[in-house]
Amino acid sequence: MLVAKRVLVADDDQPIRRFIRAVLEREGLVVEEAVDGRQALSKIRHDGYDAIVLDLMMPLVSGYDVLAEITRERPNSKCVVIISAAAAREIEQADPSIVRAKLRKPFDIRELVAAVHSCTD
């Protein structure tokens, strides 16, 4: 029996979050959402995901803080795809040991899907 791969999409922008979810579900993935970094951390602490799509620029708890927590709590996670409207220089600062892909908004949805699949294959 094939188990569906699980993805967490953490983005404070609801339309973007829902769009990513819809696209990834059409790819046969099981997708959960987090509306901010705080909720993402709670979900990550209590559940494992095959991939995490993470916006870096979120209020309360930033995506950078979420990445730092993933590094501490789940150091074997190497499948985070980050998306951000931040400058390319800021995106490049993300820890390459756990980040599979770095995409800048507006991102190409095919690139996002390919990056997530590279995590779940």
PDB file of N, CA and C in Angstrom:
ATOM      1  N   MET A   1       0.841  -1.185   0.000  1.00  0.00           N
ATOM      2  CA  MET A   1       0.000   0.000   0.000  1.00  0.00           C
ATOM      3  C   MET A   1       0.884   1.246   0.000  1.00  0.00           C
ATOM      4  N   LEU A   2       0.628   2.152  -0.916  1.00  0.00           N
ATOM      5  CA  LEU A   2       1.400   3.369  -1.050  1.00  0.00           C
ATOM      6  C   LEU A   2       0.858   4.426  -0.084  1.00  0.00           C
ATOM      7  N   VAL A   3       1.740   4.991   0.718  1.00  0.00           N
ATOM      8  CA  VAL A   3       1.346   6.020   1.669  1.00  0.00           C
ATOM      9  C   VAL A   3       1.567   7.382   1.021  1.00  0.00           C
ATOM     10  N   ALA A   4       0.546   8.233   1.075  1.00  0.00           N
ATOM     11  CA  ALA A   4       0.654   9.565   0.495  1.00  0.00           C
ATOM     12  C   ALA A   4       1.681  10.387   1.265  1.00  0.00           C
ATOM     13  N   LYS A   5       2.447  11.160   0.537  1.00  0.00           N
ATOM     14  CA  LYS A   5       3.458  12.026   1.146  1.00  0.00           C
ATOM     15  C   LYS A   5       2.764  13.258   1.725  1.00  0.00           C
ATOM     16  N   ARG A   6       3.301  13.724   2.855  1.00  0.00           N
ATOM     17  CA  ARG A   6       2.687  14.834   3.587  1.00  0.00           C
ATOM     18  C   ARG A   6       3.524  16.095   3.473  1.00  0.00           C
ATOM     19  N   VAL A   7       2.842  17.207   3.230  1.00  0.00           N
ATOM     20  CA  VAL A   7       3.503  18.495   3.060  1.00  0.00           C
ATOM     21  C   VAL A   7       2.821  19.522   3.956  1.00  0.00           C
ATOM     22  N   LEU A   8       3.629  20.359   4.598  1.00  0.00           N
ATOM     23  CA  LEU A   8       3.110  21.501   5.358  1.00  0.00           C
ATOM     24  C   LEU A   8       3.404  22.764   4.560  1.00  0.00           C
ATOM     25  N   VAL A   9       2.374  23.584   4.351  1.00  0.00           N
ATOM     26  CA  VAL A   9       2.533  24.872   3.689  1.00  0.00           C
ATOM     27  C   VAL A   9       2.318  25.955   4.739  1.00  0.00           C
ATOM     28  N   ALA A  10       3.372  26.703   5.035  1.00  0.00           N
ATOM     29  CA  ALA A  10       3.317  27.763   6.045  1.00  0.00           C
ATOM     30  C   ALA A  10       3.519  29.112   5.365  1.00  0.00           C
ATOM     31  N   ASP A  11       2.445  29.876   5.302  1.00  0.00           N
ATOM     32  CA  ASP A  11       2.485  31.196   4.675  1.00  0.00           C
ATOM     33  C   ASP A  11       1.349  32.011   5.262  1.00  0.00           C
ATOM     34  N   ASP A  12       1.629  33.253   5.630  1.00  0.00           N
ATOM     35  CA  ASP A  12       0.585  34.089   6.223  1.00  0.00           C
ATOM     36  C   ASP A  12      -0.350  34.686   5.174  1.00  0.00           C
ATOM     37  N   ASP A  13      -0.021  34.552   3.906  1.00  0.00           N
ATOM     38  CA  ASP A  13      -0.856  35.061   2.821  1.00  0.00           C
ATOM     39  C   ASP A  13      -1.831  33.960   2.405  1.00  0.00           C
ATOM     40  N   GLN A  14      -3.086  34.091   2.836  1.00  0.00           N
ATOM     41  CA  GLN A  14      -4.077  33.031   2.629  1.00  0.00           C
ATOM     42  C   GLN A  14      -4.254  32.638   1.163  1.00  0.00           C
ATOM     43  N   PRO A  15      -4.408  33.578   0.228  1.00  0.00           N
ATOM     44  CA  PRO A  15      -4.590  33.154  -1.163  1.00  0.00           C
ATOM     45  C   PRO A  15      -3.394  32.343  -1.696  1.00  0.00           C
ATOM     46  N   ILE A  16      -2.194  32.742  -1.360  1.00  0.00           N
ATOM     47  CA  ILE A  16      -1.012  31.999  -1.803  1.00  0.00           C
ATOM     48  C   ILE A  16      -0.991  30.622  -1.160  1.00  0.00           C
ATOM     49  N   ARG A  17      -1.241  30.574   0.136  1.00  0.00           N
ATOM     50  CA  ARG A  17      -1.237  29.298   0.870  1.00  0.00           C
ATOM     51  C   ARG A  17      -2.260  28.334   0.282  1.00  0.00           C
ATOM     52  N   ARG A  18      -3.456  28.803   0.021  1.00  0.00           N
ATOM     53  CA  ARG A  18      -4.515  27.950  -0.526  1.00  0.00           C
ATOM     54  C   ARG A  18      -4.208  27.518  -1.961  1.00  0.00           C
ATOM     55  N   PHE A  19      -3.598  28.426  -2.736  1.00  0.00           N
ATOM     56  CA  PHE A  19      -3.224  28.089  -4.107  1.00  0.00           C
ATOM     57  C   PHE A  19      -2.173  26.972  -4.116  1.00  0.00           C
ATOM     58  N   ILE A  20      -1.150  27.117  -3.283  1.00  0.00           N
ATOM     59  CA  ILE A  20      -0.112  26.089  -3.200  1.00  0.00           C
ATOM     60  C   ILE A  20      -0.739  24.772  -2.769  1.00  0.00           C
ATOM     61  N   ARG A  21      -1.607  24.824  -1.796  1.00  0.00           N
ATOM     62  CA  ARG A  21      -2.267  23.607  -1.322  1.00  0.00           C
ATOM     63  C   ARG A  21      -3.018  22.915  -2.451  1.00  0.00           C
ATOM     64  N   ALA A  22      -3.815  23.680  -3.193  1.00  0.00           N
ATOM     65  CA  ALA A  22      -4.604  23.105  -4.279  1.00  0.00           C
ATOM     66  C   ALA A  22      -3.707  22.460  -5.329  1.00  0.00           C
ATOM     67  N   VAL A  23      -2.626  23.125  -5.680  1.00  0.00           N
ATOM     68  CA  VAL A  23      -1.702  22.586  -6.685  1.00  0.00           C
ATOM     69  C   VAL A  23      -1.060  21.298  -6.191  1.00  0.00           C
ATOM     70  N   LEU A  24      -0.597  21.294  -4.954  1.00  0.00           N
ATOM     71  CA  LEU A  24       0.081  20.110  -4.419  1.00  0.00           C
ATOM     72  C   LEU A  24      -0.895  18.952  -4.207  1.00  0.00           C
ATOM     73  N   GLU A  25      -2.128  19.247  -3.834  1.00  0.00           N
ATOM     74  CA  GLU A  25      -3.122  18.179  -3.697  1.00  0.00           C
ATOM     75  C   GLU A  25      -3.426  17.546  -5.053  1.00  0.00           C
ATOM     76  N   ARG A  26      -3.443  18.352  -6.112  1.00  0.00           N
ATOM     77  CA  ARG A  26      -3.633  17.790  -7.456  1.00  0.00           C
ATOM     78  C   ARG A  26      -2.476  16.862  -7.837  1.00  0.00           C
ATOM     79  N   GLU A  27      -1.334  17.056  -7.189  1.00  0.00           N
ATOM     80  CA  GLU A  27      -0.168  16.198  -7.413  1.00  0.00           C
ATOM     81  C   GLU A  27      -0.236  14.926  -6.574  1.00  0.00           C
ATOM     82  N   GLY A  28      -1.304  14.768  -5.786  1.00  0.00           N
ATOM     83  CA  GLY A  28      -1.490  13.562  -4.992  1.00  0.00           C
ATOM     84  C   GLY A  28      -0.877  13.618  -3.603  1.00  0.00           C
ATOM     85  N   LEU A  29      -0.482  14.809  -3.173  1.00  0.00           N
ATOM     86  CA  LEU A  29       0.118  14.970  -1.849  1.00  0.00           C
ATOM     87  C   LEU A  29      -0.951  15.329  -0.820  1.00  0.00           C
ATOM     88  N   VAL A  30      -0.718  14.959   0.422  1.00  0.00           N
ATOM     89  CA  VAL A  30      -1.581  15.352   1.531  1.00  0.00           C
ATOM     90  C   VAL A  30      -0.986  16.641   2.089  1.00  0.00           C
ATOM     91  N   VAL A  31      -1.781  17.703   2.102  1.00  0.00           N
ATOM     92  CA  VAL A  31      -1.263  19.019   2.460  1.00  0.00           C
ATOM     93  C   VAL A  31      -1.978  19.571   3.679  1.00  0.00           C
ATOM     94  N   GLU A  32      -1.194  20.081   4.625  1.00  0.00           N
ATOM     95  CA  GLU A  32      -1.720  20.819   5.769  1.00  0.00           C
ATOM     96  C   GLU A  32      -1.227  22.250   5.665  1.00  0.00           C
ATOM     97  N   GLU A  33      -1.943  23.147   6.310  1.00  0.00           N
ATOM     98  CA  GLU A  33      -1.594  24.561   6.268  1.00  0.00           C
ATOM     99  C   GLU A  33      -1.248  25.076   7.652  1.00  0.00           C
ATOM    100  N   ALA A  34      -0.364  26.070   7.669  1.00  0.00           N
ATOM    101  CA  ALA A  34      -0.072  26.842   8.876  1.00  0.00           C
ATOM    102  C   ALA A  34      -0.177  28.312   8.491  1.00  0.00           C
ATOM    103  N   VAL A  35      -0.924  29.079   9.292  1.00  0.00           N
ATOM    104  CA  VAL A  35      -1.192  30.476   8.945  1.00  0.00           C
ATOM    105  C   VAL A  35      -0.072  31.429   9.360  1.00  0.00           C
ATOM    106  N   ASP A  36       0.846  30.936  10.173  1.00  0.00           N
ATOM    107  CA  ASP A  36       1.983  31.759  10.594  1.00  0.00           C
ATOM    108  C   ASP A  36       3.081  30.848  11.134  1.00  0.00           C
ATOM    109  N   GLY A  37       4.198  31.462  11.494  1.00  0.00           N
ATOM    110  CA  GLY A  37       5.324  30.685  11.995  1.00  0.00           C
ATOM    111  C   GLY A  37       5.034  29.963  13.295  1.00  0.00           C
ATOM    112  N   ARG A  38       4.257  30.576  14.148  1.00  0.00           N
ATOM    113  CA  ARG A  38       3.915  29.943  15.429  1.00  0.00           C
ATOM    114  C   ARG A  38       3.143  28.642  15.203  1.00  0.00           C
ATOM    115  N   GLN A  39       2.153  28.698  14.343  1.00  0.00           N
ATOM    116  CA  GLN A  39       1.362  27.500  14.044  1.00  0.00           C
ATOM    117  C   GLN A  39       2.222  26.459  13.318  1.00  0.00           C
ATOM    118  N   ALA A  40       3.110  26.905  12.445  1.00  0.00           N
ATOM    119  CA  ALA A  40       4.003  25.972  11.750  1.00  0.00           C
ATOM    120  C   ALA A  40       4.863  25.222  12.762  1.00  0.00           C
ATOM    121  N   LEU A  41       5.435  25.934  13.731  1.00  0.00           N
ATOM    122  CA  LEU A  41       6.266  25.280  14.742  1.00  0.00           C
ATOM    123  C   LEU A  41       5.478  24.252  15.535  1.00  0.00           C
ATOM    124  N   SER A  42       4.267  24.595  15.905  1.00  0.00           N
ATOM    125  CA  SER A  42       3.432  23.666  16.664  1.00  0.00           C
ATOM    126  C   SER A  42       3.184  22.393  15.862  1.00  0.00           C
ATOM    127  N   LYS A  43       2.865  22.540  14.600  1.00  0.00           N
ATOM    128  CA  LYS A  43       2.599  21.376  13.755  1.00  0.00           C
ATOM    129  C   LYS A  43       3.864  20.550  13.540  1.00  0.00           C
ATOM    130  N   ILE A  44       4.982  21.203  13.316  1.00  0.00           N
ATOM    131  CA  ILE A  44       6.243  20.500  13.077  1.00  0.00           C
ATOM    132  C   ILE A  44       6.668  19.721  14.319  1.00  0.00           C
ATOM    133  N   ARG A  45       6.466  20.305  15.488  1.00  0.00           N
ATOM    134  CA  ARG A  45       6.847  19.634  16.738  1.00  0.00           C
ATOM    135  C   ARG A  45       6.031  18.364  16.974  1.00  0.00           C
ATOM    136  N   HIS A  46       4.775  18.372  16.517  1.00  0.00           N
ATOM    137  CA  HIS A  46       3.878  17.251  16.802  1.00  0.00           C
ATOM    138  C   HIS A  46       3.704  16.282  15.643  1.00  0.00           C
ATOM    139  N   ASP A  47       4.272  16.596  14.513  1.00  0.00           N
ATOM    140  CA  ASP A  47       4.055  15.753  13.346  1.00  0.00           C
ATOM    141  C   ASP A  47       5.251  15.837  12.423  1.00  0.00           C
ATOM    142  N   GLY A  48       5.465  14.797  11.667  1.00  0.00           N
ATOM    143  CA  GLY A  48       6.545  14.795  10.688  1.00  0.00           C
ATOM    144  C   GLY A  48       5.984  15.048   9.302  1.00  0.00           C
ATOM    145  N   TYR A  49       6.733  15.721   8.492  1.00  0.00           N
ATOM    146  CA  TYR A  49       6.311  16.020   7.132  1.00  0.00           C
ATOM    147  C   TYR A  49       7.423  15.598   6.183  1.00  0.00           C
ATOM    148  N   ASP A  50       7.021  15.206   4.985  1.00  0.00           N
ATOM    149  CA  ASP A  50       7.991  14.851   3.957  1.00  0.00           C
ATOM    150  C   ASP A  50       8.596  16.102   3.331  1.00  0.00           C
ATOM    151  N   ALA A  51       7.838  17.190   3.366  1.00  0.00           N
ATOM    152  CA  ALA A  51       8.321  18.465   2.844  1.00  0.00           C
ATOM    153  C   ALA A  51       7.602  19.597   3.568  1.00  0.00           C
ATOM    154  N   ILE A  52       8.291  20.716   3.659  1.00  0.00           N
ATOM    155  CA  ILE A  52       7.703  21.918   4.256  1.00  0.00           C
ATOM    156  C   ILE A  52       7.936  23.061   3.277  1.00  0.00           C
ATOM    157  N   VAL A  53       6.856  23.719   2.877  1.00  0.00           N
ATOM    158  CA  VAL A  53       6.949  24.912   2.047  1.00  0.00           C
ATOM    159  C   VAL A  53       6.790  26.083   3.007  1.00  0.00           C
ATOM    160  N   LEU A  54       7.809  26.902   3.100  1.00  0.00           N
ATOM    161  CA  LEU A  54       7.884  27.897   4.172  1.00  0.00           C
ATOM    162  C   LEU A  54       8.137  29.293   3.633  1.00  0.00           C
ATOM    163  N   ASP A  55       7.247  30.224   3.964  1.00  0.00           N
ATOM    164  CA  ASP A  55       7.463  31.634   3.659  1.00  0.00           C
ATOM    165  C   ASP A  55       8.396  32.183   4.732  1.00  0.00           C
ATOM    166  N   LEU A  56       9.406  32.915   4.329  1.00  0.00           N
ATOM    167  CA  LEU A  56      10.341  33.468   5.311  1.00  0.00           C
ATOM    168  C   LEU A  56       9.803  34.708   6.005  1.00  0.00           C
ATOM    169  N   MET A  57       8.991  35.477   5.321  1.00  0.00           N
ATOM    170  CA  MET A  57       8.527  36.753   5.848  1.00  0.00           C
ATOM    171  C   MET A  57       7.119  36.609   6.432  1.00  0.00           C
ATOM    172  N   MET A  58       7.054  36.185   7.701  1.00  0.00           N
ATOM    173  CA  MET A  58       5.770  36.040   8.389  1.00  0.00           C
ATOM    174  C   MET A  58       5.836  36.815   9.702  1.00  0.00           C
ATOM    175  N   PRO A  59       4.685  37.319  10.163  1.00  0.00           N
ATOM    176  CA  PRO A  59       4.659  38.032  11.446  1.00  0.00           C
ATOM    177  C   PRO A  59       4.777  37.058  12.626  1.00  0.00           C
ATOM    178  N   LEU A  60       5.002  37.602  13.783  1.00  0.00           N
ATOM    179  CA  LEU A  60       5.108  36.870  15.047  1.00  0.00           C
ATOM    180  C   LEU A  60       6.354  35.997  15.092  1.00  0.00           C
ATOM    181  N   VAL A  61       6.361  34.915  14.367  1.00  0.00           N
ATOM    182  CA  VAL A  61       7.519  34.028  14.284  1.00  0.00           C
ATOM    183  C   VAL A  61       7.871  33.939  12.803  1.00  0.00           C
ATOM    184  N   SER A  62       9.069  34.393  12.450  1.00  0.00           N
ATOM    185  CA  SER A  62       9.456  34.428  11.034  1.00  0.00           C
ATOM    186  C   SER A  62       9.816  33.036  10.521  1.00  0.00           C
ATOM    187  N   GLY A  63       9.872  32.923   9.229  1.00  0.00           N
ATOM    188  CA  GLY A  63      10.320  31.686   8.617  1.00  0.00           C
ATOM    189  C   GLY A  63      11.747  31.347   9.001  1.00  0.00           C
ATOM    190  N   TYR A  64      12.580  32.372   9.209  1.00  0.00           N
ATOM    191  CA  TYR A  64      13.961  32.137   9.658  1.00  0.00           C
ATOM    192  C   TYR A  64      13.962  31.455  11.025  1.00  0.00           C
ATOM    193  N   ASP A  65      13.067  31.905  11.909  1.00  0.00           N
ATOM    194  CA  ASP A  65      12.960  31.286  13.237  1.00  0.00           C
ATOM    195  C   ASP A  65      12.462  29.849  13.128  1.00  0.00           C
ATOM    196  N   VAL A  66      11.533  29.620  12.210  1.00  0.00           N
ATOM    197  CA  VAL A  66      11.034  28.258  11.987  1.00  0.00           C
ATOM    198  C   VAL A  66      12.175  27.378  11.490  1.00  0.00           C
ATOM    199  N   LEU A  67      12.970  27.882  10.562  1.00  0.00           N
ATOM    200  CA  LEU A  67      14.118  27.115  10.061  1.00  0.00           C
ATOM    201  C   LEU A  67      15.094  26.775  11.186  1.00  0.00           C
ATOM    202  N   ALA A  68      15.349  27.732  12.050  1.00  0.00           N
ATOM    203  CA  ALA A  68      16.257  27.487  13.175  1.00  0.00           C
ATOM    204  C   ALA A  68      15.713  26.386  14.080  1.00  0.00           C
ATOM    205  N   GLU A  69      14.417  26.407  14.309  1.00  0.00           N
ATOM    206  CA  GLU A  69      13.787  25.380  15.152  1.00  0.00           C
ATOM    207  C   GLU A  69      13.832  24.008  14.477  1.00  0.00           C
ATOM    208  N   ILE A  70      13.584  23.976  13.172  1.00  0.00           N
ATOM    209  CA  ILE A  70      13.670  22.711  12.444  1.00  0.00           C
ATOM    210  C   ILE A  70      15.077  22.146  12.582  1.00  0.00           C
ATOM    211  N   THR A  71      16.060  22.996  12.468  1.00  0.00           N
ATOM    212  CA  THR A  71      17.457  22.562  12.577  1.00  0.00           C
ATOM    213  C   THR A  71      17.719  21.930  13.941  1.00  0.00           C
ATOM    214  N   ARG A  72      17.141  22.515  14.996  1.00  0.00           N
ATOM    215  CA  ARG A  72      17.328  21.983  16.353  1.00  0.00           C
ATOM    216  C   ARG A  72      16.469  20.750  16.612  1.00  0.00           C
ATOM    217  N   GLU A  73      15.184  20.834  16.277  1.00  0.00           N
ATOM    218  CA  GLU A  73      14.219  19.793  16.643  1.00  0.00           C
ATOM    219  C   GLU A  73      14.203  18.598  15.684  1.00  0.00           C
ATOM    220  N   ARG A  74      14.400  18.863  14.413  1.00  0.00           N
ATOM    221  CA  ARG A  74      14.332  17.813  13.392  1.00  0.00           C
ATOM    222  C   ARG A  74      15.514  17.956  12.438  1.00  0.00           C
ATOM    223  N   PRO A  75      16.723  17.725  12.953  1.00  0.00           N
ATOM    224  CA  PRO A  75      17.921  17.966  12.133  1.00  0.00           C
ATOM    225  C   PRO A  75      18.010  17.071  10.899  1.00  0.00           C
ATOM    226  N   ASN A  76      17.266  15.986  10.859  1.00  0.00           N
ATOM    227  CA  ASN A  76      17.287  15.127   9.684  1.00  0.00           C
ATOM    228  C   ASN A  76      16.353  15.619   8.583  1.00  0.00           C
ATOM    229  N   SER A  77      15.590  16.671   8.862  1.00  0.00           N
ATOM    230  CA  SER A  77      14.727  17.250   7.832  1.00  0.00           C
ATOM    231  C   SER A  77      15.614  17.981   6.837  1.00  0.00           C
ATOM    232  N   LYS A  78      15.569  17.542   5.628  1.00  0.00           N
ATOM    233  CA  LYS A  78      16.364  18.192   4.608  1.00  0.00           C
ATOM    234  C   LYS A  78      15.495  18.578   3.424  1.00  0.00           C
ATOM    235  N   CYS A  79      14.245  18.748   3.685  1.00  0.00           N
ATOM    236  CA  CYS A  79      13.320  19.011   2.602  1.00  0.00           C
ATOM    237  C   CYS A  79      12.427  20.206   2.876  1.00  0.00           C
ATOM    238  N   VAL A  80      13.052  21.341   3.007  1.00  0.00           N
ATOM    239  CA  VAL A  80      12.303  22.569   3.176  1.00  0.00           C
ATOM    240  C   VAL A  80      12.456  23.375   1.891  1.00  0.00           C
ATOM    241  N   VAL A  81      11.338  23.846   1.385  1.00  0.00           N
ATOM    242  CA  VAL A  81      11.341  24.727   0.229  1.00  0.00           C
ATOM    243  C   VAL A  81      10.906  26.089   0.744  1.00  0.00           C
ATOM    244  N   ILE A  82      11.752  27.086   0.573  1.00  0.00           N
ATOM    245  CA  ILE A  82      11.371  28.400   1.075  1.00  0.00           C
ATOM    246  C   ILE A  82      10.959  29.305  -0.074  1.00  0.00           C
ATOM    247  N   ILE A  83       9.991  30.143   0.240  1.00  0.00           N
ATOM    248  CA  ILE A  83       9.537  31.143  -0.712  1.00  0.00           C
ATOM    249  C   ILE A  83       9.503  32.479   0.011  1.00  0.00           C
ATOM    250  N   SER A  84       9.840  33.518  -0.710  1.00  0.00           N
ATOM    251  CA  SER A  84       9.859  34.805  -0.045  1.00  0.00           C
ATOM    252  C   SER A  84       9.849  35.938  -1.056  1.00  0.00           C
ATOM    253  N   ALA A  85       9.337  37.061  -0.609  1.00  0.00           N
ATOM    254  CA  ALA A  85       9.433  38.284  -1.383  1.00  0.00           C
ATOM    255  C   ALA A  85      10.699  39.032  -0.984  1.00  0.00           C
ATOM    256  N   ALA A  86      11.459  38.466  -0.059  1.00  0.00           N
ATOM    257  CA  ALA A  86      12.687  39.101   0.413  1.00  0.00           C
ATOM    258  C   ALA A  86      13.707  39.181  -0.721  1.00  0.00           C
ATOM    259  N   ALA A  87      14.686  40.008  -0.514  1.00  0.00           N
ATOM    260  CA  ALA A  87      15.765  40.136  -1.488  1.00  0.00           C
ATOM    261  C   ALA A  87      16.498  38.806  -1.618  1.00  0.00           C
ATOM    262  N   ALA A  88      17.029  38.549  -2.790  1.00  0.00           N
ATOM    263  CA  ALA A  88      17.735  37.290  -3.059  1.00  0.00           C
ATOM    264  C   ALA A  88      18.835  37.048  -2.029  1.00  0.00           C
ATOM    265  N   ARG A  89      19.513  38.092  -1.595  1.00  0.00           N
ATOM    266  CA  ARG A  89      20.589  37.965  -0.601  1.00  0.00           C
ATOM    267  C   ARG A  89      20.063  37.379   0.703  1.00  0.00           C
ATOM    268  N   GLU A  90      18.878  37.819   1.130  1.00  0.00           N
ATOM    269  CA  GLU A  90      18.288  37.294   2.366  1.00  0.00           C
ATOM    270  C   GLU A  90      17.885  35.837   2.217  1.00  0.00           C
ATOM    271  N   ILE A  91      17.353  35.484   1.062  1.00  0.00           N
ATOM    272  CA  ILE A  91      16.967  34.099   0.825  1.00  0.00           C
ATOM    273  C   ILE A  91      18.192  33.202   0.856  1.00  0.00           C
ATOM    274  N   GLU A  92      19.277  33.654   0.292  1.00  0.00           N
ATOM    275  CA  GLU A  92      20.500  32.840   0.234  1.00  0.00           C
ATOM    276  C   GLU A  92      21.073  32.563   1.620  1.00  0.00           C
ATOM    277  N   GLN A  93      20.709  33.339   2.630  1.00  0.00           N
ATOM    278  CA  GLN A  93      21.217  33.129   3.988  1.00  0.00           C
ATOM    279  C   GLN A  93      20.601  31.906   4.665  1.00  0.00           C
ATOM    280  N   ALA A  94      19.555  31.363   4.090  1.00  0.00           N
ATOM    281  CA  ALA A  94      18.899  30.195   4.687  1.00  0.00           C
ATOM    282  C   ALA A  94      19.868  29.012   4.701  1.00  0.00           C
ATOM    283  N   ASP A  95      19.809  28.233   5.753  1.00  0.00           N
ATOM    284  CA  ASP A  95      20.708  27.105   5.974  1.00  0.00           C
ATOM    285  C   ASP A  95      20.603  26.070   4.850  1.00  0.00           C
ATOM    286  N   PRO A  96      21.649  25.906   4.060  1.00  0.00           N
ATOM    287  CA  PRO A  96      21.576  24.977   2.930  1.00  0.00           C
ATOM    288  C   PRO A  96      21.526  23.506   3.341  1.00  0.00           C
ATOM    289  N   SER A  97      21.813  23.209   4.589  1.00  0.00           N
ATOM    290  CA  SER A  97      21.793  21.808   5.011  1.00  0.00           C
ATOM    291  C   SER A  97      20.379  21.256   5.130  1.00  0.00           C
ATOM    292  N   ILE A  98      19.384  22.125   5.255  1.00  0.00           N
ATOM    293  CA  ILE A  98      18.005  21.629   5.348  1.00  0.00           C
ATOM    294  C   ILE A  98      17.092  22.197   4.268  1.00  0.00           C
ATOM    295  N   VAL A  99      17.588  23.142   3.487  1.00  0.00           N
ATOM    296  CA  VAL A  99      16.754  23.787   2.478  1.00  0.00           C
ATOM    297  C   VAL A  99      17.026  23.162   1.112  1.00  0.00           C
ATOM    298  N   ARG A 100      15.995  22.583   0.535  1.00  0.00           N
ATOM    299  CA  ARG A 100      16.119  21.932  -0.769  1.00  0.00           C
ATOM    300  C   ARG A 100      16.074  22.939  -1.905  1.00  0.00           C
ATOM    301  N   ALA A 101      15.209  23.953  -1.772  1.00  0.00           N
ATOM    302  CA  ALA A 101      15.053  24.937  -2.847  1.00  0.00           C
ATOM    303  C   ALA A 101      14.717  26.291  -2.254  1.00  0.00           C
ATOM    304  N   LYS A 102      15.128  27.323  -2.958  1.00  0.00           N
ATOM    305  CA  LYS A 102      14.862  28.701  -2.546  1.00  0.00           C
ATOM    306  C   LYS A 102      14.213  29.415  -3.721  1.00  0.00           C
ATOM    307  N   LEU A 103      12.963  29.803  -3.547  1.00  0.00           N
ATOM    308  CA  LEU A 103      12.213  30.444  -4.617  1.00  0.00           C
ATOM    309  C   LEU A 103      11.778  31.831  -4.181  1.00  0.00           C
ATOM    310  N   ARG A 104      11.859  32.755  -5.094  1.00  0.00           N
ATOM    311  CA  ARG A 104      11.470  34.131  -4.798  1.00  0.00           C
ATOM    312  C   ARG A 104      10.091  34.405  -5.385  1.00  0.00           C
ATOM    313  N   LYS A 105       9.238  35.064  -4.606  1.00  0.00           N
ATOM    314  CA  LYS A 105       7.912  35.440  -5.090  1.00  0.00           C
ATOM    315  C   LYS A 105       8.052  36.570  -6.106  1.00  0.00           C
ATOM    316  N   PRO A 106       7.299  36.565  -7.168  1.00  0.00           N
ATOM    317  CA  PRO A 106       6.384  35.505  -7.584  1.00  0.00           C
ATOM    318  C   PRO A 106       7.188  34.322  -8.128  1.00  0.00           C
ATOM    319  N   PHE A 107       6.839  33.129  -7.701  1.00  0.00           N
ATOM    320  CA  PHE A 107       7.584  31.934  -8.076  1.00  0.00           C
ATOM    321  C   PHE A 107       6.873  31.203  -9.204  1.00  0.00           C
ATOM    322  N   ASP A 108       7.631  30.388  -9.898  1.00  0.00           N
ATOM    323  CA  ASP A 108       7.081  29.535 -10.953  1.00  0.00           C
ATOM    324  C   ASP A 108       6.521  28.292 -10.273  1.00  0.00           C
ATOM    325  N   ILE A 109       5.239  28.035 -10.451  1.00  0.00           N
ATOM    326  CA  ILE A 109       4.596  26.929  -9.750  1.00  0.00           C
ATOM    327  C   ILE A 109       5.207  25.595 -10.152  1.00  0.00           C
ATOM    328  N   ARG A 110       5.678  25.480 -11.395  1.00  0.00           N
ATOM    329  CA  ARG A 110       6.319  24.225 -11.819  1.00  0.00           C
ATOM    330  C   ARG A 110       7.608  23.984 -11.042  1.00  0.00           C
ATOM    331  N   GLU A 111       8.341  25.050 -10.760  1.00  0.00           N
ATOM    332  CA  GLU A 111       9.562  24.920  -9.954  1.00  0.00           C
ATOM    333  C   GLU A 111       9.235  24.486  -8.530  1.00  0.00           C
ATOM    334  N   LEU A 112       8.170  25.051  -7.976  1.00  0.00           N
ATOM    335  CA  LEU A 112       7.755  24.675  -6.635  1.00  0.00           C
ATOM    336  C   LEU A 112       7.353  23.205  -6.590  1.00  0.00           C
ATOM    337  N   VAL A 113       6.544  22.775  -7.533  1.00  0.00           N
ATOM    338  CA  VAL A 113       6.099  21.380  -7.578  1.00  0.00           C
ATOM    339  C   VAL A 113       7.303  20.459  -7.731  1.00  0.00           C
ATOM    340  N   ALA A 114       8.237  20.807  -8.603  1.00  0.00           N
ATOM    341  CA  ALA A 114       9.435  19.974  -8.789  1.00  0.00           C
ATOM    342  C   ALA A 114      10.253  19.894  -7.504  1.00  0.00           C
ATOM    343  N   ALA A 115      10.383  21.014  -6.801  1.00  0.00           N
ATOM    344  CA  ALA A 115      11.151  21.036  -5.552  1.00  0.00           C
ATOM    345  C   ALA A 115      10.490  20.169  -4.497  1.00  0.00           C
ATOM    346  N   VAL A 116       9.176  20.272  -4.371  1.00  0.00           N
ATOM    347  CA  VAL A 116       8.460  19.456  -3.384  1.00  0.00           C
ATOM    348  C   VAL A 116       8.577  17.979  -3.744  1.00  0.00           C
ATOM    349  N   HIS A 117       8.428  17.657  -5.019  1.00  0.00           N
ATOM    350  CA  HIS A 117       8.577  16.254  -5.435  1.00  0.00           C
ATOM    351  C   HIS A 117       9.988  15.748  -5.167  1.00  0.00           C
ATOM    352  N   SER A 118      10.989  16.615  -5.293  1.00  0.00           N
ATOM    353  CA  SER A 118      12.363  16.165  -5.007  1.00  0.00           C
ATOM    354  C   SER A 118      12.512  15.803  -3.526  1.00  0.00           C
ATOM    355  N   CYS A 119      11.668  16.371  -2.689  1.00  0.00           N
ATOM    356  CA  CYS A 119      11.676  16.040  -1.266  1.00  0.00           C
ATOM    357  C   CYS A 119      10.937  14.741  -0.974  1.00  0.00           C
ATOM    358  N   THR A 120       9.920  14.464  -1.768  1.00  0.00           N
ATOM    359  CA  THR A 120       9.034  13.342  -1.442  1.00  0.00           C
ATOM    360  C   THR A 120       9.341  12.072  -2.227  1.00  0.00           C
ATOM    361  N   ASP A 121      10.229  12.155  -3.193  1.00  0.00           N
ATOM    362  CA  ASP A 121      10.579  10.951  -3.991  1.00  0.00           C
ATOM    363  C   ASP A 121      11.528  10.052  -3.245  1.00  0.00           C
TER     364      ASP A 121
END
